[in-house]
Every structure is written in structure tokens, then in C-alpha cells.
Amino acid sequence: MTVDVNGREQELAPGATVATLLARLGLEAGYALVERNGEPVERARYADVELEEADRLVVARPVAGG
């Protein structure tokens, strides 16, 4: 299955979750913000939300500044 992550295509196995995607990208779930098809995904649900063909995701890591 193919999904769009920050404007780039990613190939994932069927049944992949947001948590699976983050692990593949080398990101820790607790430190990433995810938007799926224009809607935010709650961190507590990353392991439960299955991705679907052609989903569009925005993945961001918040950065503290000062």
C-alpha cells in the first residue's frame, strides 16, 4: 500500500498503523505529531489507527525554542 508522508510516497504493508510508520521513519511516537487526511491523530491511538491506501499524512516533531 502507498501513503503520502510529508509529500513523499511511502510503501507500507497492509494493516500498517501510525505507530508502524513512525517506527519505520525512526521517530518515537511520543515525540511526533501526526495529521491524517487533514485530521489530527491522538498519540494514544497511534498503535490502533490503521492506515489506508492513498492516506495523506503530515508528520512533525515539535521543537522547543527560546
C-alpha atoms as a PDB file:
ATOM      1  CA  MET A   1       0.000   0.000   0.000  1.00  0.00           C
ATOM      2  CA  THR A   2       1.205   3.516  -0.735  1.00  0.00           C
ATOM      3  CA  VAL A   3       0.669   6.532   1.522  1.00  0.00           C
ATOM      4  CA  ASP A   4       1.871  10.119   1.199  1.00  0.00           C
ATOM      5  CA  VAL A   5       4.028  11.311   4.099  1.00  0.00           C
ATOM      6  CA  ASN A   6       5.041  14.960   4.034  1.00  0.00           C
ATOM      7  CA  GLY A   7       4.747  14.959   0.243  1.00  0.00           C
ATOM      8  CA  ARG A   8       6.713  11.743  -0.321  1.00  0.00           C
ATOM      9  CA  GLU A   9       5.361   8.312  -1.109  1.00  0.00           C
ATOM     10  CA  GLN A  10       5.978   5.535   1.400  1.00  0.00           C
ATOM     11  CA  GLU A  11       5.286   1.853   0.754  1.00  0.00           C
ATOM     12  CA  LEU A  12       3.793   0.051   3.746  1.00  0.00           C
ATOM     13  CA  ALA A  13       2.375  -3.403   4.339  1.00  0.00           C
ATOM     14  CA  PRO A  14      -1.412  -3.675   4.546  1.00  0.00           C
ATOM     15  CA  GLY A  15      -2.591  -3.198   8.119  1.00  0.00           C
ATOM     16  CA  ALA A  16       0.254  -0.817   8.982  1.00  0.00           C
ATOM     17  CA  THR A  17      -0.569   1.637  11.753  1.00  0.00           C
ATOM     18  CA  VAL A  18       0.588   5.152  12.524  1.00  0.00           C
ATOM     19  CA  ALA A  19       2.979   3.604  15.083  1.00  0.00           C
ATOM     20  CA  THR A  20       4.384   1.287  12.386  1.00  0.00           C
ATOM     21  CA  LEU A  21       5.001   4.259  10.119  1.00  0.00           C
ATOM     22  CA  LEU A  22       6.729   6.267  12.837  1.00  0.00           C
ATOM     23  CA  ALA A  23       8.996   3.324  13.677  1.00  0.00           C
ATOM     24  CA  ARG A  24       9.898   2.986  10.008  1.00  0.00           C
ATOM     25  CA  LEU A  25      10.758   6.685   9.901  1.00  0.00           C
ATOM     26  CA  GLY A  26      12.912   6.311  13.027  1.00  0.00           C
ATOM     27  CA  LEU A  27      10.674   8.532  15.148  1.00  0.00           C
ATOM     28  CA  GLU A  28       9.467   7.860  18.662  1.00  0.00           C
ATOM     29  CA  ALA A  29       5.685   8.061  18.906  1.00  0.00           C
ATOM     30  CA  GLY A  30       5.811  10.265  21.996  1.00  0.00           C
ATOM     31  CA  TYR A  31       7.777  12.910  20.128  1.00  0.00           C
ATOM     32  CA  ALA A  32       5.841  13.079  16.868  1.00  0.00           C
ATOM     33  CA  LEU A  33       2.658  14.839  15.866  1.00  0.00           C
ATOM     34  CA  VAL A  34       0.615  13.214  13.110  1.00  0.00           C
ATOM     35  CA  GLU A  35      -2.175  14.528  10.925  1.00  0.00           C
ATOM     36  CA  ARG A  36      -4.028  12.040   8.711  1.00  0.00           C
ATOM     37  CA  ASN A  37      -6.096  13.351   5.811  1.00  0.00           C
ATOM     38  CA  GLY A  38      -6.346  16.757   7.471  1.00  0.00           C
ATOM     39  CA  GLU A  39      -7.347  15.459  10.914  1.00  0.00           C
ATOM     40  CA  PRO A  40      -5.037  15.179  13.930  1.00  0.00           C
ATOM     41  CA  VAL A  41      -4.396  11.693  15.310  1.00  0.00           C
ATOM     42  CA  GLU A  42      -4.272  11.360  19.106  1.00  0.00           C
ATOM     43  CA  ARG A  43      -0.941   9.958  20.317  1.00  0.00           C
ATOM     44  CA  ALA A  44      -2.751   7.394  22.461  1.00  0.00           C
ATOM     45  CA  ARG A  45      -4.264   5.930  19.268  1.00  0.00           C
ATOM     46  CA  TYR A  46      -1.109   5.675  17.105  1.00  0.00           C
ATOM     47  CA  ALA A  47      -0.941   1.879  17.559  1.00  0.00           C
ATOM     48  CA  ASP A  48      -4.654   1.471  16.778  1.00  0.00           C
ATOM     49  CA  VAL A  49      -5.122   3.683  13.714  1.00  0.00           C
ATOM     50  CA  GLU A  50      -4.623   1.577  10.588  1.00  0.00           C
ATOM     51  CA  LEU A  51      -3.501   3.422   7.506  1.00  0.00           C
ATOM     52  CA  GLU A  52      -5.264   3.010   4.172  1.00  0.00           C
ATOM     53  CA  GLU A  53      -4.167   3.263   0.560  1.00  0.00           C
ATOM     54  CA  ALA A  54      -3.617   6.884  -0.521  1.00  0.00           C
ATOM     55  CA  ASP A  55      -3.793   8.338   3.005  1.00  0.00           C
ATOM     56  CA  ARG A  56      -2.091  11.717   3.236  1.00  0.00           C
ATOM     57  CA  LEU A  57      -0.088  12.228   6.406  1.00  0.00           C
ATOM     58  CA  VAL A  58       1.823  15.108   7.874  1.00  0.00           C
ATOM     59  CA  VAL A  59       4.395  14.060  10.458  1.00  0.00           C
ATOM     60  CA  ALA A  60       6.128  16.705  12.545  1.00  0.00           C
ATOM     61  CA  ARG A  61       8.429  16.756  15.522  1.00  0.00           C
ATOM     62  CA  PRO A  62       7.818  19.640  17.887  1.00  0.00           C
ATOM     63  CA  VAL A  63      10.925  21.640  18.725  1.00  0.00           C
ATOM     64  CA  ALA A  64      11.285  23.720  21.847  1.00  0.00           C
ATOM     65  CA  GLY A  65      12.771  27.133  21.360  1.00  0.00           C
ATOM     66  CA  GLY A  66      13.682  30.048  23.393  1.00  0.00           C
END
